[in-house]
N, C-alpha and C. Protein backbone atom coordinates (compact mmCIF):
# COMPACT_ATOMS: atom_id res chain seq x y z
N UNK A 1 -17.98 -49.09 16.48
CA UNK A 1 -16.60 -49.38 16.19
C UNK A 1 -15.96 -48.30 15.31
N UNK A 2 -16.72 -47.58 14.55
CA UNK A 2 -16.16 -46.55 13.67
C UNK A 2 -15.83 -47.10 12.30
N UNK A 3 -15.28 -46.25 11.49
CA UNK A 3 -14.94 -46.61 10.11
C UNK A 3 -13.50 -46.22 9.82
N UNK A 4 -12.94 -46.87 8.84
CA UNK A 4 -11.59 -46.54 8.40
C UNK A 4 -11.63 -46.38 6.88
N UNK A 5 -11.09 -45.25 6.41
CA UNK A 5 -11.07 -44.96 4.99
C UNK A 5 -9.64 -44.76 4.54
N UNK A 6 -9.31 -45.28 3.40
CA UNK A 6 -8.00 -45.07 2.81
C UNK A 6 -8.21 -44.48 1.43
N UNK A 7 -7.57 -43.35 1.19
CA UNK A 7 -7.66 -42.70 -0.11
C UNK A 7 -6.27 -42.68 -0.71
N UNK A 8 -6.15 -43.21 -1.92
CA UNK A 8 -4.87 -43.20 -2.63
C UNK A 8 -5.03 -42.36 -3.88
N UNK A 9 -4.18 -41.34 -4.00
CA UNK A 9 -4.21 -40.47 -5.16
C UNK A 9 -2.89 -40.60 -5.90
N UNK A 10 -2.93 -40.63 -7.21
CA UNK A 10 -1.67 -40.69 -7.96
C UNK A 10 -0.91 -39.37 -7.82
N UNK A 11 0.40 -39.47 -7.76
CA UNK A 11 1.25 -38.29 -7.64
C UNK A 11 1.70 -37.89 -9.03
N UNK A 12 1.21 -36.77 -9.50
CA UNK A 12 1.56 -36.26 -10.83
C UNK A 12 2.56 -35.12 -10.65
N UNK A 13 3.83 -35.30 -11.05
CA UNK A 13 4.83 -34.25 -10.87
C UNK A 13 4.44 -32.92 -11.50
N UNK A 14 3.66 -32.96 -12.57
CA UNK A 14 3.24 -31.72 -13.23
C UNK A 14 2.34 -30.88 -12.34
N UNK A 15 1.69 -31.50 -11.37
CA UNK A 15 0.77 -30.77 -10.49
C UNK A 15 1.44 -30.29 -9.21
N UNK A 16 2.70 -30.66 -8.99
CA UNK A 16 3.40 -30.25 -7.78
C UNK A 16 3.85 -28.81 -7.91
N UNK A 17 3.77 -28.03 -6.82
CA UNK A 17 4.23 -26.64 -6.88
C UNK A 17 5.73 -26.59 -7.06
N UNK A 18 6.18 -25.58 -7.74
CA UNK A 18 7.62 -25.37 -7.91
C UNK A 18 8.24 -25.08 -6.55
N UNK A 19 9.48 -25.49 -6.32
CA UNK A 19 10.11 -25.26 -5.01
C UNK A 19 10.10 -23.80 -4.58
N UNK A 20 10.25 -22.88 -5.51
CA UNK A 20 10.26 -21.45 -5.15
C UNK A 20 8.91 -21.02 -4.60
N UNK A 21 7.83 -21.68 -5.02
CA UNK A 21 6.50 -21.32 -4.53
C UNK A 21 6.27 -21.83 -3.12
N UNK A 22 7.06 -22.81 -2.70
CA UNK A 22 6.88 -23.42 -1.40
C UNK A 22 7.76 -22.78 -0.33
N UNK A 23 8.94 -22.33 -0.73
CA UNK A 23 9.85 -21.75 0.26
C UNK A 23 10.53 -20.53 -0.32
N UNK A 24 11.08 -19.73 0.55
CA UNK A 24 11.80 -18.54 0.12
C UNK A 24 13.13 -18.94 -0.49
N UNK A 25 13.59 -18.19 -1.44
CA UNK A 25 14.89 -18.44 -2.07
C UNK A 25 16.01 -18.04 -1.11
N UNK A 26 17.02 -18.87 -0.99
CA UNK A 26 18.16 -18.56 -0.16
C UNK A 26 19.13 -17.64 -0.89
N UNK A 27 19.19 -17.74 -2.19
CA UNK A 27 20.18 -17.00 -2.98
C UNK A 27 20.04 -15.50 -2.78
N UNK A 28 21.16 -14.84 -2.71
CA UNK A 28 21.27 -13.37 -2.68
C UNK A 28 20.78 -12.74 -1.38
N UNK A 29 20.46 -13.51 -0.38
CA UNK A 29 20.02 -12.93 0.88
C UNK A 29 21.14 -13.09 1.91
N UNK A 30 21.67 -11.97 2.34
CA UNK A 30 22.71 -12.00 3.37
C UNK A 30 22.07 -12.31 4.71
N UNK A 31 22.81 -12.94 5.62
CA UNK A 31 22.23 -13.25 6.93
C UNK A 31 21.85 -11.98 7.69
N UNK A 32 20.75 -12.04 8.38
CA UNK A 32 20.36 -10.94 9.25
C UNK A 32 19.49 -11.50 10.37
N UNK A 33 19.39 -10.74 11.44
CA UNK A 33 18.59 -11.15 12.58
C UNK A 33 17.17 -10.61 12.42
N UNK A 34 16.20 -11.52 12.56
CA UNK A 34 14.79 -11.16 12.45
C UNK A 34 14.09 -11.62 13.73
N UNK A 35 13.31 -10.73 14.31
CA UNK A 35 12.50 -11.04 15.48
C UNK A 35 11.06 -11.23 15.03
N UNK A 36 10.49 -12.38 15.34
CA UNK A 36 9.10 -12.68 15.02
C UNK A 36 8.31 -12.61 16.33
N UNK A 37 7.26 -11.78 16.34
CA UNK A 37 6.45 -11.61 17.55
C UNK A 37 5.01 -11.94 17.21
N UNK A 38 4.50 -13.00 17.81
CA UNK A 38 3.11 -13.41 17.57
C UNK A 38 2.65 -14.23 18.75
N UNK A 39 1.47 -13.92 19.28
CA UNK A 39 0.95 -14.69 20.41
C UNK A 39 0.47 -16.07 19.98
N UNK A 40 0.28 -16.29 18.70
CA UNK A 40 -0.07 -17.61 18.17
C UNK A 40 1.24 -18.39 17.99
N UNK A 41 1.48 -19.35 18.86
CA UNK A 41 2.74 -20.09 18.86
C UNK A 41 2.97 -20.82 17.54
N UNK A 42 1.93 -21.41 16.97
CA UNK A 42 2.08 -22.13 15.70
C UNK A 42 2.46 -21.18 14.57
N UNK A 43 1.83 -20.03 14.51
CA UNK A 43 2.15 -19.05 13.46
C UNK A 43 3.59 -18.56 13.62
N UNK A 44 4.00 -18.29 14.84
CA UNK A 44 5.37 -17.82 15.08
C UNK A 44 6.39 -18.88 14.70
N UNK A 45 6.12 -20.12 15.06
CA UNK A 45 7.04 -21.21 14.75
C UNK A 45 7.12 -21.46 13.24
N UNK A 46 5.99 -21.39 12.56
CA UNK A 46 5.99 -21.56 11.11
C UNK A 46 6.82 -20.47 10.43
N UNK A 47 6.66 -19.24 10.88
CA UNK A 47 7.43 -18.13 10.31
C UNK A 47 8.91 -18.30 10.62
N UNK A 48 9.23 -18.76 11.82
CA UNK A 48 10.62 -18.99 12.20
C UNK A 48 11.26 -20.01 11.26
N UNK A 49 10.57 -21.12 11.02
CA UNK A 49 11.11 -22.16 10.15
C UNK A 49 11.28 -21.65 8.72
N UNK A 50 10.32 -20.89 8.26
CA UNK A 50 10.39 -20.33 6.90
C UNK A 50 11.58 -19.39 6.76
N UNK A 51 11.76 -18.50 7.72
CA UNK A 51 12.84 -17.52 7.66
C UNK A 51 14.21 -18.16 7.83
N UNK A 52 14.27 -19.23 8.58
CA UNK A 52 15.55 -19.95 8.72
C UNK A 52 15.98 -20.55 7.39
N UNK A 53 15.03 -20.87 6.52
CA UNK A 53 15.36 -21.41 5.20
C UNK A 53 16.19 -20.43 4.38
N UNK A 54 16.03 -19.15 4.63
CA UNK A 54 16.81 -18.15 3.89
C UNK A 54 18.06 -17.74 4.65
N UNK A 55 18.35 -18.43 5.74
CA UNK A 55 19.57 -18.15 6.46
C UNK A 55 19.48 -17.09 7.53
N UNK A 56 18.27 -16.66 7.85
CA UNK A 56 18.11 -15.63 8.88
C UNK A 56 18.33 -16.21 10.27
N UNK A 57 18.85 -15.38 11.14
CA UNK A 57 18.96 -15.70 12.56
C UNK A 57 17.63 -15.23 13.16
N UNK A 58 16.77 -16.16 13.52
CA UNK A 58 15.40 -15.82 13.91
C UNK A 58 15.21 -16.01 15.41
N UNK A 59 14.68 -14.98 16.03
CA UNK A 59 14.28 -15.04 17.44
C UNK A 59 12.76 -14.93 17.47
N UNK A 60 12.14 -15.54 18.47
CA UNK A 60 10.68 -15.53 18.57
C UNK A 60 10.26 -15.06 19.96
N UNK A 61 9.21 -14.24 19.98
CA UNK A 61 8.59 -13.80 21.23
C UNK A 61 7.08 -13.94 21.06
N UNK A 62 6.38 -14.15 22.17
CA UNK A 62 4.94 -14.40 22.09
C UNK A 62 4.08 -13.34 22.76
N UNK A 63 4.71 -12.31 23.31
CA UNK A 63 3.93 -11.22 23.91
C UNK A 63 4.79 -9.95 23.93
N UNK A 64 4.19 -8.85 24.32
CA UNK A 64 4.88 -7.58 24.30
C UNK A 64 6.14 -7.53 25.15
N UNK A 65 6.06 -7.88 26.44
CA UNK A 65 7.26 -7.84 27.28
C UNK A 65 8.40 -8.74 26.75
N UNK A 66 8.05 -9.94 26.28
CA UNK A 66 9.07 -10.82 25.69
C UNK A 66 9.69 -10.17 24.45
N UNK A 67 8.85 -9.54 23.64
CA UNK A 67 9.32 -8.89 22.42
C UNK A 67 10.32 -7.77 22.74
N UNK A 68 10.00 -6.96 23.72
CA UNK A 68 10.89 -5.85 24.08
C UNK A 68 12.21 -6.35 24.65
N UNK A 69 12.17 -7.40 25.45
CA UNK A 69 13.39 -7.98 26.00
C UNK A 69 14.25 -8.57 24.88
N UNK A 70 13.62 -9.29 23.95
CA UNK A 70 14.36 -9.88 22.82
C UNK A 70 14.92 -8.79 21.91
N UNK A 71 14.15 -7.74 21.73
CA UNK A 71 14.60 -6.61 20.90
C UNK A 71 15.86 -5.99 21.48
N UNK A 72 15.88 -5.78 22.78
CA UNK A 72 17.05 -5.21 23.45
C UNK A 72 18.24 -6.17 23.39
N UNK A 73 17.96 -7.46 23.53
CA UNK A 73 19.04 -8.45 23.59
C UNK A 73 19.68 -8.73 22.23
N UNK A 74 18.87 -8.84 21.18
CA UNK A 74 19.44 -9.25 19.89
C UNK A 74 19.53 -8.14 18.86
N UNK A 75 18.90 -7.01 19.10
CA UNK A 75 18.92 -5.86 18.19
C UNK A 75 18.73 -6.29 16.73
N UNK A 76 17.53 -6.78 16.43
CA UNK A 76 17.28 -7.32 15.09
C UNK A 76 17.28 -6.24 14.00
N UNK A 77 17.51 -6.67 12.79
CA UNK A 77 17.44 -5.77 11.63
C UNK A 77 15.99 -5.61 11.18
N UNK A 78 15.18 -6.65 11.46
CA UNK A 78 13.77 -6.66 11.04
C UNK A 78 12.93 -7.30 12.14
N UNK A 79 11.74 -6.73 12.35
CA UNK A 79 10.80 -7.28 13.32
C UNK A 79 9.47 -7.51 12.61
N UNK A 80 9.01 -8.77 12.62
CA UNK A 80 7.68 -9.10 12.12
C UNK A 80 6.78 -9.15 13.35
N UNK A 81 5.86 -8.21 13.46
CA UNK A 81 5.13 -7.98 14.70
C UNK A 81 3.62 -8.07 14.48
N UNK A 82 3.00 -8.99 15.20
CA UNK A 82 1.55 -9.12 15.18
C UNK A 82 0.94 -7.93 15.93
N UNK A 83 -0.21 -7.47 15.50
CA UNK A 83 -0.87 -6.34 16.16
C UNK A 83 -1.78 -6.79 17.29
N UNK A 84 -2.62 -7.78 17.02
CA UNK A 84 -3.67 -8.17 17.95
C UNK A 84 -3.23 -9.14 19.02
N UNK A 85 -2.34 -8.69 19.90
CA UNK A 85 -1.90 -9.54 21.00
C UNK A 85 -2.58 -9.08 22.29
N UNK A 86 -2.88 -10.02 23.19
CA UNK A 86 -3.47 -9.62 24.47
C UNK A 86 -2.46 -8.88 25.33
N UNK A 87 -2.96 -8.07 26.24
CA UNK A 87 -2.07 -7.29 27.10
C UNK A 87 -1.51 -6.11 26.33
N UNK A 88 -0.24 -6.16 26.01
CA UNK A 88 0.41 -5.09 25.25
C UNK A 88 0.27 -5.42 23.76
N UNK A 89 -0.51 -4.62 23.04
CA UNK A 89 -0.71 -4.91 21.62
C UNK A 89 0.51 -4.49 20.79
N UNK A 90 0.50 -4.85 19.52
CA UNK A 90 1.61 -4.57 18.63
C UNK A 90 1.88 -3.09 18.43
N UNK A 91 0.84 -2.26 18.51
CA UNK A 91 1.05 -0.81 18.38
C UNK A 91 1.94 -0.29 19.51
N UNK A 92 1.64 -0.71 20.73
CA UNK A 92 2.43 -0.26 21.88
C UNK A 92 3.85 -0.82 21.82
N UNK A 93 3.98 -2.07 21.42
CA UNK A 93 5.31 -2.66 21.28
C UNK A 93 6.12 -1.87 20.26
N UNK A 94 5.51 -1.53 19.12
CA UNK A 94 6.21 -0.75 18.08
C UNK A 94 6.63 0.61 18.60
N UNK A 95 5.74 1.29 19.31
CA UNK A 95 6.09 2.60 19.86
C UNK A 95 7.30 2.51 20.80
N UNK A 96 7.32 1.47 21.63
CA UNK A 96 8.43 1.31 22.56
C UNK A 96 9.73 0.93 21.83
N UNK A 97 9.60 0.13 20.79
CA UNK A 97 10.79 -0.21 19.99
C UNK A 97 11.34 1.03 19.30
N UNK A 98 10.46 1.87 18.82
CA UNK A 98 10.89 3.11 18.15
C UNK A 98 11.57 4.07 19.12
N UNK A 99 11.21 3.99 20.41
CA UNK A 99 11.82 4.86 21.41
C UNK A 99 13.29 4.48 21.65
N UNK A 100 13.65 3.24 21.35
CA UNK A 100 15.05 2.81 21.47
C UNK A 100 15.82 3.38 20.29
N UNK A 101 17.05 3.75 20.51
CA UNK A 101 17.82 4.39 19.44
C UNK A 101 19.02 3.54 19.05
N UNK A 102 18.74 2.33 18.58
CA UNK A 102 19.81 1.44 18.15
C UNK A 102 20.15 1.70 16.70
N UNK A 103 21.41 1.46 16.35
CA UNK A 103 21.83 1.55 14.96
C UNK A 103 22.38 0.19 14.55
N UNK A 104 22.03 -0.31 13.40
CA UNK A 104 21.09 0.29 12.47
C UNK A 104 19.66 0.17 12.99
N UNK A 105 18.85 1.07 12.54
CA UNK A 105 17.44 1.12 12.94
C UNK A 105 16.73 -0.13 12.42
N UNK A 106 15.98 -0.79 13.29
CA UNK A 106 15.23 -1.98 12.89
C UNK A 106 14.04 -1.58 12.01
N UNK A 107 13.78 -2.39 11.01
CA UNK A 107 12.57 -2.21 10.19
C UNK A 107 11.44 -2.96 10.87
N UNK A 108 10.37 -2.25 11.20
CA UNK A 108 9.22 -2.85 11.85
C UNK A 108 8.16 -3.17 10.80
N UNK A 109 7.74 -4.43 10.78
CA UNK A 109 6.76 -4.89 9.81
C UNK A 109 5.54 -5.41 10.56
N UNK A 110 4.40 -4.78 10.35
CA UNK A 110 3.16 -5.29 10.94
C UNK A 110 2.75 -6.51 10.12
N UNK A 111 2.60 -7.64 10.79
CA UNK A 111 2.13 -8.87 10.15
C UNK A 111 0.84 -9.23 10.87
N UNK A 112 -0.28 -8.88 10.25
CA UNK A 112 -1.55 -8.91 10.95
C UNK A 112 -2.70 -9.31 10.04
N UNK A 113 -3.77 -9.72 10.64
CA UNK A 113 -4.99 -10.02 9.89
C UNK A 113 -5.79 -8.77 9.59
N UNK A 114 -5.37 -7.64 10.12
CA UNK A 114 -6.10 -6.38 9.95
C UNK A 114 -5.51 -5.61 8.77
N UNK A 115 -6.32 -5.34 7.76
CA UNK A 115 -5.79 -4.70 6.56
C UNK A 115 -6.62 -3.57 6.00
N UNK A 116 -7.56 -3.03 6.78
CA UNK A 116 -8.37 -1.91 6.30
C UNK A 116 -7.54 -0.63 6.30
N UNK A 117 -8.03 0.41 5.62
CA UNK A 117 -7.31 1.68 5.55
C UNK A 117 -7.02 2.25 6.93
N UNK A 118 -7.99 2.17 7.83
CA UNK A 118 -7.80 2.69 9.19
C UNK A 118 -6.70 1.90 9.93
N UNK A 119 -6.64 0.58 9.69
CA UNK A 119 -5.59 -0.25 10.30
C UNK A 119 -4.23 0.18 9.79
N UNK A 120 -4.12 0.42 8.49
CA UNK A 120 -2.84 0.83 7.90
C UNK A 120 -2.40 2.20 8.44
N UNK A 121 -3.36 3.07 8.65
CA UNK A 121 -3.04 4.39 9.20
C UNK A 121 -2.50 4.25 10.63
N UNK A 122 -3.14 3.43 11.45
CA UNK A 122 -2.68 3.21 12.82
C UNK A 122 -1.30 2.58 12.85
N UNK A 123 -1.04 1.69 11.90
CA UNK A 123 0.27 1.04 11.80
C UNK A 123 1.35 2.09 11.54
N UNK A 124 1.10 2.98 10.58
CA UNK A 124 2.07 4.05 10.27
C UNK A 124 2.28 4.95 11.48
N UNK A 125 1.19 5.33 12.13
CA UNK A 125 1.28 6.23 13.29
C UNK A 125 2.07 5.61 14.45
N UNK A 126 2.03 4.28 14.57
CA UNK A 126 2.74 3.61 15.65
C UNK A 126 4.23 3.46 15.36
N UNK A 127 4.65 3.76 14.12
CA UNK A 127 6.07 3.71 13.79
C UNK A 127 6.51 2.54 12.94
N UNK A 128 5.56 1.79 12.42
CA UNK A 128 5.91 0.68 11.54
C UNK A 128 6.40 1.21 10.19
N UNK A 129 7.27 0.43 9.56
CA UNK A 129 7.77 0.77 8.23
C UNK A 129 6.96 0.10 7.13
N UNK A 130 6.40 -1.08 7.43
CA UNK A 130 5.69 -1.87 6.42
C UNK A 130 4.48 -2.55 7.05
N UNK A 131 3.55 -2.96 6.19
CA UNK A 131 2.31 -3.60 6.65
C UNK A 131 2.03 -4.80 5.75
N UNK A 132 1.97 -5.98 6.31
CA UNK A 132 1.61 -7.19 5.57
C UNK A 132 0.38 -7.81 6.22
N UNK A 133 -0.53 -8.28 5.39
CA UNK A 133 -1.74 -8.93 5.89
C UNK A 133 -1.51 -10.44 5.87
N UNK A 134 -1.88 -11.10 6.97
CA UNK A 134 -1.77 -12.55 7.08
C UNK A 134 -2.78 -13.23 6.17
N UNK A 135 -2.46 -14.33 5.58
CA UNK A 135 -1.13 -14.91 5.52
C UNK A 135 -0.29 -14.14 4.51
N UNK A 136 0.95 -13.88 4.86
CA UNK A 136 1.83 -13.09 3.99
C UNK A 136 2.19 -13.89 2.74
N UNK A 137 2.14 -13.23 1.61
CA UNK A 137 2.57 -13.82 0.35
C UNK A 137 4.07 -14.03 0.41
N UNK A 138 4.55 -15.23 0.09
CA UNK A 138 5.97 -15.53 0.22
C UNK A 138 6.84 -14.68 -0.69
N UNK A 139 6.38 -14.41 -1.89
CA UNK A 139 7.14 -13.55 -2.80
C UNK A 139 7.26 -12.14 -2.26
N UNK A 140 6.17 -11.63 -1.71
CA UNK A 140 6.18 -10.29 -1.12
C UNK A 140 7.12 -10.25 0.08
N UNK A 141 7.08 -11.28 0.90
CA UNK A 141 7.95 -11.34 2.08
C UNK A 141 9.42 -11.38 1.65
N UNK A 142 9.73 -12.19 0.66
CA UNK A 142 11.11 -12.27 0.19
C UNK A 142 11.57 -10.94 -0.38
N UNK A 143 10.72 -10.29 -1.14
CA UNK A 143 11.06 -8.98 -1.71
C UNK A 143 11.29 -7.96 -0.59
N UNK A 144 10.46 -8.00 0.42
CA UNK A 144 10.61 -7.08 1.55
C UNK A 144 11.92 -7.32 2.29
N UNK A 145 12.28 -8.58 2.51
CA UNK A 145 13.54 -8.90 3.18
C UNK A 145 14.71 -8.36 2.36
N UNK A 146 14.67 -8.57 1.06
CA UNK A 146 15.73 -8.07 0.18
C UNK A 146 15.83 -6.55 0.25
N UNK A 147 14.68 -5.87 0.24
CA UNK A 147 14.65 -4.41 0.32
C UNK A 147 15.24 -3.93 1.65
N UNK A 148 14.86 -4.56 2.74
CA UNK A 148 15.35 -4.17 4.06
C UNK A 148 16.85 -4.39 4.17
N UNK A 149 17.34 -5.47 3.61
CA UNK A 149 18.77 -5.72 3.65
C UNK A 149 19.54 -4.64 2.89
N UNK A 150 18.94 -4.12 1.84
CA UNK A 150 19.61 -3.09 1.03
C UNK A 150 19.57 -1.71 1.66
N UNK A 151 18.60 -1.49 2.58
CA UNK A 151 18.47 -0.19 3.21
C UNK A 151 19.58 0.04 4.22
N UNK A 152 19.99 1.26 4.35
CA UNK A 152 20.97 1.64 5.37
C UNK A 152 20.36 2.76 6.19
N UNK A 153 20.16 2.51 7.48
CA UNK A 153 19.56 3.54 8.35
C UNK A 153 20.64 4.20 9.14
């Protein structure tokens, strides 16, 4: 028949994380279009929801061809791009995005589980502007968004 367990824990407000630690701050961030590219649907959807909290217009793609079509259609200011995708990997997608000459130039951010020195070198060579290792630190991501918004290409 199985077993059923119920665990009740007291809720101590002092132990709850501060709201800023849970979500990105909306203040001081101007709206911008961000393209999230990840073959992991759950990871892409989580990032989409997080970025929408700061007022971003977020588009999602799950593979290289979808990413390139979305890039052409929405001309994002920032692209969060996974490297390890089947078929067309993130390096090839970045190279093709860099071949497009849209203004303003999109900031390409590698968002990947690969973080060794050789990985970072390949990221730079493919045309990425930034490299974040999964899971991305929310403070670092917010700082990066603010920096990208301030840049003029």
